[in-house]
C-alpha cells in the first residue's frame, strides 16, 4: 500500500468498546499517525489514531497473520506440505525449528477450514443445485497400520471440490 493513497483505509476504530465503533462511516474520525517498518516481511505499515477514544492501531490488526514473527514462511510451508514433505524435512530445508513448522501447519489448517466454510456458505447463499455429486471413500491409517481410518467424501465431479468429509474409525461402533 502506498502511504499517500487512500486505498484500504479503515473506516472505523478497531476497538469495539470505542463509541465510534458502530457509528456511521460517513464521518471520518481517524487520522494517520505515521508508519512503522515490519521486519518480518519488509513492509511499511500505516498507523491510525481515533479522534474519539484517542487510541491508535495499525492496518496490520486486520490481517490474519497479525503477531506472526516469520510470516514469510507461510507460503513455502504451504507449498512443501502440498508436495507431501514431512514437517521435519520442511524444518530442515527452511532452516527453522519443527515447532515453528507445526505452528504454521496449525495456522494454515485453520485458514483452510475458514476458506472452505466461506465457500460452503457462498454455495448455500447462491442456491446452486448440483446436477451430479460423487460419494467416495478413502482408506488411510494413523500412526500405524493397525489403526485404519476411513474417510468418506462428497465431491462435485466437475470442479473436484470437496463438499463434505468425515472421519470414521472402523473399530468404532
C-alpha atoms as a PDB file:
ATOM      1  CA  UNK A   1       0.000   0.000   0.000  1.00  0.00           C
ATOM      2  CA  UNK A   2       1.385   3.355  -0.960  1.00  0.00           C
ATOM      3  CA  UNK A   3       1.447   5.552   2.112  1.00  0.00           C
ATOM      4  CA  UNK A   4      -0.243   8.561   0.493  1.00  0.00           C
ATOM      5  CA  UNK A   5      -3.080   6.612  -1.131  1.00  0.00           C
ATOM      6  CA  UNK A   6      -6.486   6.297   0.462  1.00  0.00           C
ATOM      7  CA  UNK A   7      -6.916   2.670  -0.610  1.00  0.00           C
ATOM      8  CA  UNK A   8      -7.832   0.197   2.127  1.00  0.00           C
ATOM      9  CA  UNK A   9      -8.058   2.825   4.852  1.00  0.00           C
ATOM     10  CA  UNK A  10     -10.052   1.677   7.868  1.00  0.00           C
ATOM     11  CA  UNK A  11     -13.497   3.231   8.158  1.00  0.00           C
ATOM     12  CA  UNK A  12     -13.969   2.760  11.901  1.00  0.00           C
ATOM     13  CA  UNK A  13     -11.956   2.375  15.062  1.00  0.00           C
ATOM     14  CA  UNK A  14     -10.556  -1.108  15.664  1.00  0.00           C
ATOM     15  CA  UNK A  15     -11.573  -1.235  19.323  1.00  0.00           C
ATOM     16  CA  UNK A  16     -15.136  -2.468  19.898  1.00  0.00           C
ATOM     17  CA  UNK A  17     -15.542  -0.535  23.173  1.00  0.00           C
ATOM     18  CA  UNK A  18     -14.911   2.780  21.375  1.00  0.00           C
ATOM     19  CA  UNK A  19     -18.071   4.937  20.978  1.00  0.00           C
ATOM     20  CA  UNK A  20     -17.194   5.442  17.312  1.00  0.00           C
ATOM     21  CA  UNK A  21     -17.028   1.700  16.592  1.00  0.00           C
ATOM     22  CA  UNK A  22     -20.662   1.425  15.476  1.00  0.00           C
ATOM     23  CA  UNK A  23     -21.071   4.954  14.119  1.00  0.00           C
ATOM     24  CA  UNK A  24     -21.861   5.867  10.548  1.00  0.00           C
ATOM     25  CA  UNK A  25     -18.697   5.666   8.456  1.00  0.00           C
ATOM     26  CA  UNK A  26     -19.513   8.890   6.548  1.00  0.00           C
ATOM     27  CA  UNK A  27     -17.850  10.913   9.340  1.00  0.00           C
ATOM     28  CA  UNK A  28     -14.119  10.316   9.273  1.00  0.00           C
ATOM     29  CA  UNK A  29     -12.847  10.140  12.842  1.00  0.00           C
ATOM     30  CA  UNK A  30      -9.498   8.504  12.062  1.00  0.00           C
ATOM     31  CA  UNK A  31      -6.263  10.352  11.376  1.00  0.00           C
ATOM     32  CA  UNK A  32      -2.946   8.998  10.167  1.00  0.00           C
ATOM     33  CA  UNK A  33      -0.322   8.702  12.839  1.00  0.00           C
ATOM     34  CA  UNK A  34       2.798   7.673  10.979  1.00  0.00           C
ATOM     35  CA  UNK A  35       4.165   4.323   9.886  1.00  0.00           C
ATOM     36  CA  UNK A  36       6.366   1.571  11.212  1.00  0.00           C
ATOM     37  CA  UNK A  37       8.636  -0.911   9.465  1.00  0.00           C
ATOM     38  CA  UNK A  38       7.637  -4.553   9.898  1.00  0.00           C
ATOM     39  CA  UNK A  39      10.820  -6.588   9.591  1.00  0.00           C
ATOM     40  CA  UNK A  40       9.063  -9.947   9.226  1.00  0.00           C
ATOM     41  CA  UNK A  41       8.079  -9.119   5.645  1.00  0.00           C
ATOM     42  CA  UNK A  42       9.954  -5.833   4.985  1.00  0.00           C
ATOM     43  CA  UNK A  43       6.860  -3.633   4.640  1.00  0.00           C
ATOM     44  CA  UNK A  44       5.882  -0.222   5.954  1.00  0.00           C
ATOM     45  CA  UNK A  45       2.594  -0.371   7.848  1.00  0.00           C
ATOM     46  CA  UNK A  46       0.358   2.686   8.357  1.00  0.00           C
ATOM     47  CA  UNK A  47      -0.804   3.639  11.836  1.00  0.00           C
ATOM     48  CA  UNK A  48      -4.045   5.479  12.669  1.00  0.00           C
ATOM     49  CA  UNK A  49      -5.492   7.262  15.691  1.00  0.00           C
ATOM     50  CA  UNK A  50      -9.143   7.530  16.586  1.00  0.00           C
ATOM     51  CA  UNK A  51     -10.126  11.114  17.424  1.00  0.00           C
ATOM     52  CA  UNK A  52     -12.874   9.933  19.779  1.00  0.00           C
ATOM     53  CA  UNK A  53     -11.167   7.354  22.022  1.00  0.00           C
ATOM     54  CA  UNK A  54      -7.616   8.650  21.355  1.00  0.00           C
ATOM     55  CA  UNK A  55      -6.201   5.133  20.875  1.00  0.00           C
ATOM     56  CA  UNK A  56      -4.057   4.142  17.947  1.00  0.00           C
ATOM     57  CA  UNK A  57      -3.866   0.973  15.854  1.00  0.00           C
ATOM     58  CA  UNK A  58      -2.338  -0.185  12.597  1.00  0.00           C
ATOM     59  CA  UNK A  59      -3.740  -1.781   9.476  1.00  0.00           C
ATOM     60  CA  UNK A  60      -1.850  -4.935  10.473  1.00  0.00           C
ATOM     61  CA  UNK A  61      -4.525  -5.602  13.147  1.00  0.00           C
ATOM     62  CA  UNK A  62      -6.943  -6.659  10.404  1.00  0.00           C
ATOM     63  CA  UNK A  63      -4.577  -9.300   8.980  1.00  0.00           C
ATOM     64  CA  UNK A  64      -4.959 -12.983   9.772  1.00  0.00           C
ATOM     65  CA  UNK A  65      -1.162 -13.107  10.194  1.00  0.00           C
ATOM     66  CA  UNK A  66      -1.213 -10.499  12.976  1.00  0.00           C
ATOM     67  CA  UNK A  67       1.591 -11.023  15.554  1.00  0.00           C
ATOM     68  CA  UNK A  68       3.385 -13.656  13.455  1.00  0.00           C
ATOM     69  CA  UNK A  69       7.138 -13.151  13.539  1.00  0.00           C
ATOM     70  CA  UNK A  70       8.022 -15.268  10.496  1.00  0.00           C
ATOM     71  CA  UNK A  71       5.146 -14.693   8.088  1.00  0.00           C
ATOM     72  CA  UNK A  72       7.496 -15.235   5.135  1.00  0.00           C
ATOM     73  CA  UNK A  73       7.436 -18.948   5.958  1.00  0.00           C
ATOM     74  CA  UNK A  74       3.668 -19.367   5.441  1.00  0.00           C
ATOM     75  CA  UNK A  75       3.770 -19.809   1.649  1.00  0.00           C
ATOM     76  CA  UNK A  76       6.860 -22.060   1.465  1.00  0.00           C
ATOM     77  CA  UNK A  77       5.460 -24.291   4.213  1.00  0.00           C
ATOM     78  CA  UNK A  78       2.083 -24.482   2.447  1.00  0.00           C
ATOM     79  CA  UNK A  79       3.817 -25.493  -0.805  1.00  0.00           C
ATOM     80  CA  UNK A  80       6.029 -28.096   0.868  1.00  0.00           C
ATOM     81  CA  UNK A  81       3.092 -29.618   2.747  1.00  0.00           C
ATOM     82  CA  UNK A  82       1.093 -29.831  -0.501  1.00  0.00           C
ATOM     83  CA  UNK A  83       4.030 -31.681  -2.064  1.00  0.00           C
ATOM     84  CA  UNK A  84       3.898 -34.266   0.719  1.00  0.00           C
ATOM     85  CA  UNK A  85       7.035 -33.309   2.644  1.00  0.00           C
ATOM     86  CA  UNK A  86       7.168 -34.159   6.327  1.00  0.00           C
ATOM     87  CA  UNK A  87       7.285 -31.420   8.920  1.00  0.00           C
ATOM     88  CA  UNK A  88      10.761 -32.471   9.997  1.00  0.00           C
ATOM     89  CA  UNK A  89      12.001 -32.307   6.404  1.00  0.00           C
ATOM     90  CA  UNK A  90      10.412 -28.864   5.908  1.00  0.00           C
ATOM     91  CA  UNK A  91      12.122 -27.586   9.060  1.00  0.00           C
ATOM     92  CA  UNK A  92      15.455 -28.865   7.787  1.00  0.00           C
ATOM     93  CA  UNK A  93      15.008 -27.315   4.302  1.00  0.00           C
ATOM     94  CA  UNK A  94      13.826 -23.919   5.608  1.00  0.00           C
ATOM     95  CA  UNK A  95      16.382 -23.903   8.456  1.00  0.00           C
ATOM     96  CA  UNK A  96      13.812 -23.425  11.189  1.00  0.00           C
ATOM     97  CA  UNK A  97      12.565 -25.461  14.134  1.00  0.00           C
ATOM     98  CA  UNK A  98       9.993 -28.236  13.963  1.00  0.00           C
ATOM     99  CA  UNK A  99       7.863 -26.318  16.443  1.00  0.00           C
ATOM    100  CA  UNK A 100       7.674 -23.344  14.033  1.00  0.00           C
ATOM    101  CA  UNK A 101       6.599 -25.650  11.205  1.00  0.00           C
ATOM    102  CA  UNK A 102       3.980 -27.253  13.450  1.00  0.00           C
ATOM    103  CA  UNK A 103       2.559 -23.847  14.447  1.00  0.00           C
ATOM    104  CA  UNK A 104       2.459 -22.719  10.823  1.00  0.00           C
ATOM    105  CA  UNK A 105       0.761 -26.017   9.894  1.00  0.00           C
ATOM    106  CA  UNK A 106      -1.931 -25.407  12.519  1.00  0.00           C
ATOM    107  CA  UNK A 107      -2.362 -21.803  11.313  1.00  0.00           C
ATOM    108  CA  UNK A 108      -2.644 -22.894   7.670  1.00  0.00           C
ATOM    109  CA  UNK A 109      -5.146 -25.617   8.624  1.00  0.00           C
ATOM    110  CA  UNK A 110      -7.332 -23.051  10.394  1.00  0.00           C
ATOM    111  CA  UNK A 111      -7.108 -20.762   7.349  1.00  0.00           C
ATOM    112  CA  UNK A 112      -8.109 -23.647   5.053  1.00  0.00           C
ATOM    113  CA  UNK A 113     -11.073 -24.519   7.297  1.00  0.00           C
ATOM    114  CA  UNK A 114     -12.221 -20.888   7.243  1.00  0.00           C
ATOM    115  CA  UNK A 115     -11.882 -20.650   3.450  1.00  0.00           C
ATOM    116  CA  UNK A 116     -13.818 -23.907   2.965  1.00  0.00           C
ATOM    117  CA  UNK A 117     -16.535 -22.741   5.340  1.00  0.00           C
ATOM    118  CA  UNK A 118     -16.885 -19.471   3.383  1.00  0.00           C
ATOM    119  CA  UNK A 119     -17.056 -21.470   0.140  1.00  0.00           C
ATOM    120  CA  UNK A 120     -19.865 -23.647   1.510  1.00  0.00           C
ATOM    121  CA  UNK A 121     -21.762 -20.606   2.822  1.00  0.00           C
ATOM    122  CA  UNK A 122     -21.472 -18.978  -0.610  1.00  0.00           C
ATOM    123  CA  UNK A 123     -22.923 -22.158  -2.152  1.00  0.00           C
ATOM    124  CA  UNK A 124     -25.869 -22.053   0.248  1.00  0.00           C
ATOM    125  CA  UNK A 125     -26.491 -18.341  -0.437  1.00  0.00           C
ATOM    126  CA  UNK A 126     -26.386 -18.829  -4.214  1.00  0.00           C
ATOM    127  CA  UNK A 127     -28.995 -21.636  -4.079  1.00  0.00           C
ATOM    128  CA  UNK A 128     -26.981 -23.667  -6.583  1.00  0.00           C
ATOM    129  CA  UNK A 129     -28.381 -27.067  -7.357  1.00  0.00           C
ATOM    130  CA  UNK A 130     -25.896 -29.777  -8.238  1.00  0.00           C
ATOM    131  CA  UNK A 131     -26.537 -31.974 -11.250  1.00  0.00           C
ATOM    132  CA  UNK A 132     -24.088 -34.577 -10.022  1.00  0.00           C
ATOM    133  CA  UNK A 133     -22.263 -35.359  -6.807  1.00  0.00           C
ATOM    134  CA  UNK A 134     -19.954 -38.249  -6.110  1.00  0.00           C
ATOM    135  CA  UNK A 135     -19.526 -40.217  -2.937  1.00  0.00           C
ATOM    136  CA  UNK A 136     -16.075 -41.637  -2.436  1.00  0.00           C
ATOM    137  CA  UNK A 137     -14.177 -43.254   0.373  1.00  0.00           C
ATOM    138  CA  UNK A 138     -10.515 -43.115   1.216  1.00  0.00           C
ATOM    139  CA  UNK A 139      -8.639 -45.552   3.438  1.00  0.00           C
ATOM    140  CA  UNK A 140      -5.557 -44.485   5.379  1.00  0.00           C
ATOM    141  CA  UNK A 141      -4.034 -45.029   8.790  1.00  0.00           C
ATOM    142  CA  UNK A 142      -2.886 -43.030  11.798  1.00  0.00           C
ATOM    143  CA  UNK A 143       0.458 -43.758  13.486  1.00  0.00           C
ATOM    144  CA  UNK A 144       0.496 -47.435  12.472  1.00  0.00           C
ATOM    145  CA  UNK A 145      -1.206 -49.753  10.000  1.00  0.00           C
ATOM    146  CA  UNK A 146      -3.087 -51.267  12.908  1.00  0.00           C
ATOM    147  CA  UNK A 147      -5.116 -48.057  13.256  1.00  0.00           C
ATOM    148  CA  UNK A 148      -7.013 -47.794   9.936  1.00  0.00           C
ATOM    149  CA  UNK A 149      -9.195 -44.786   9.188  1.00  0.00           C
ATOM    150  CA  UNK A 150     -11.997 -44.484   6.608  1.00  0.00           C
ATOM    151  CA  UNK A 151     -12.698 -41.022   5.228  1.00  0.00           C
ATOM    152  CA  UNK A 152     -15.980 -40.707   3.299  1.00  0.00           C
ATOM    153  CA  UNK A 153     -16.069 -37.737   0.904  1.00  0.00           C
ATOM    154  CA  UNK A 154     -18.743 -35.896  -1.069  1.00  0.00           C
ATOM    155  CA  UNK A 155     -17.217 -34.296  -4.169  1.00  0.00           C
ATOM    156  CA  UNK A 156     -18.552 -32.194  -7.026  1.00  0.00           C
ATOM    157  CA  UNK A 157     -17.200 -34.036 -10.105  1.00  0.00           C
ATOM    158  CA  UNK A 158     -16.897 -31.038 -12.459  1.00  0.00           C
ATOM    159  CA  UNK A 159     -14.725 -28.859 -10.216  1.00  0.00           C
ATOM    160  CA  UNK A 160     -13.476 -31.653  -7.908  1.00  0.00           C
ATOM    161  CA  UNK A 161     -14.260 -29.503  -4.889  1.00  0.00           C
ATOM    162  CA  UNK A 162     -14.854 -31.315  -1.638  1.00  0.00           C
ATOM    163  CA  UNK A 163     -18.305 -30.530  -0.281  1.00  0.00           C
ATOM    164  CA  UNK A 164     -18.146 -32.629   2.880  1.00  0.00           C
ATOM    165  CA  UNK A 165     -15.988 -35.193   4.616  1.00  0.00           C
ATOM    166  CA  UNK A 166     -15.989 -37.154   7.833  1.00  0.00           C
ATOM    167  CA  UNK A 167     -13.514 -39.347   9.645  1.00  0.00           C
ATOM    168  CA  UNK A 168     -14.564 -42.753  10.859  1.00  0.00           C
ATOM    169  CA  UNK A 169     -12.605 -45.430  12.661  1.00  0.00           C
ATOM    170  CA  UNK A 170     -13.676 -48.929  11.557  1.00  0.00           C
ATOM    171  CA  UNK A 171     -13.329 -50.284  15.089  1.00  0.00           C
ATOM    172  CA  UNK A 172     -15.740 -47.676  16.499  1.00  0.00           C
ATOM    173  CA  UNK A 173     -19.326 -48.756  16.986  1.00  0.00           C
END
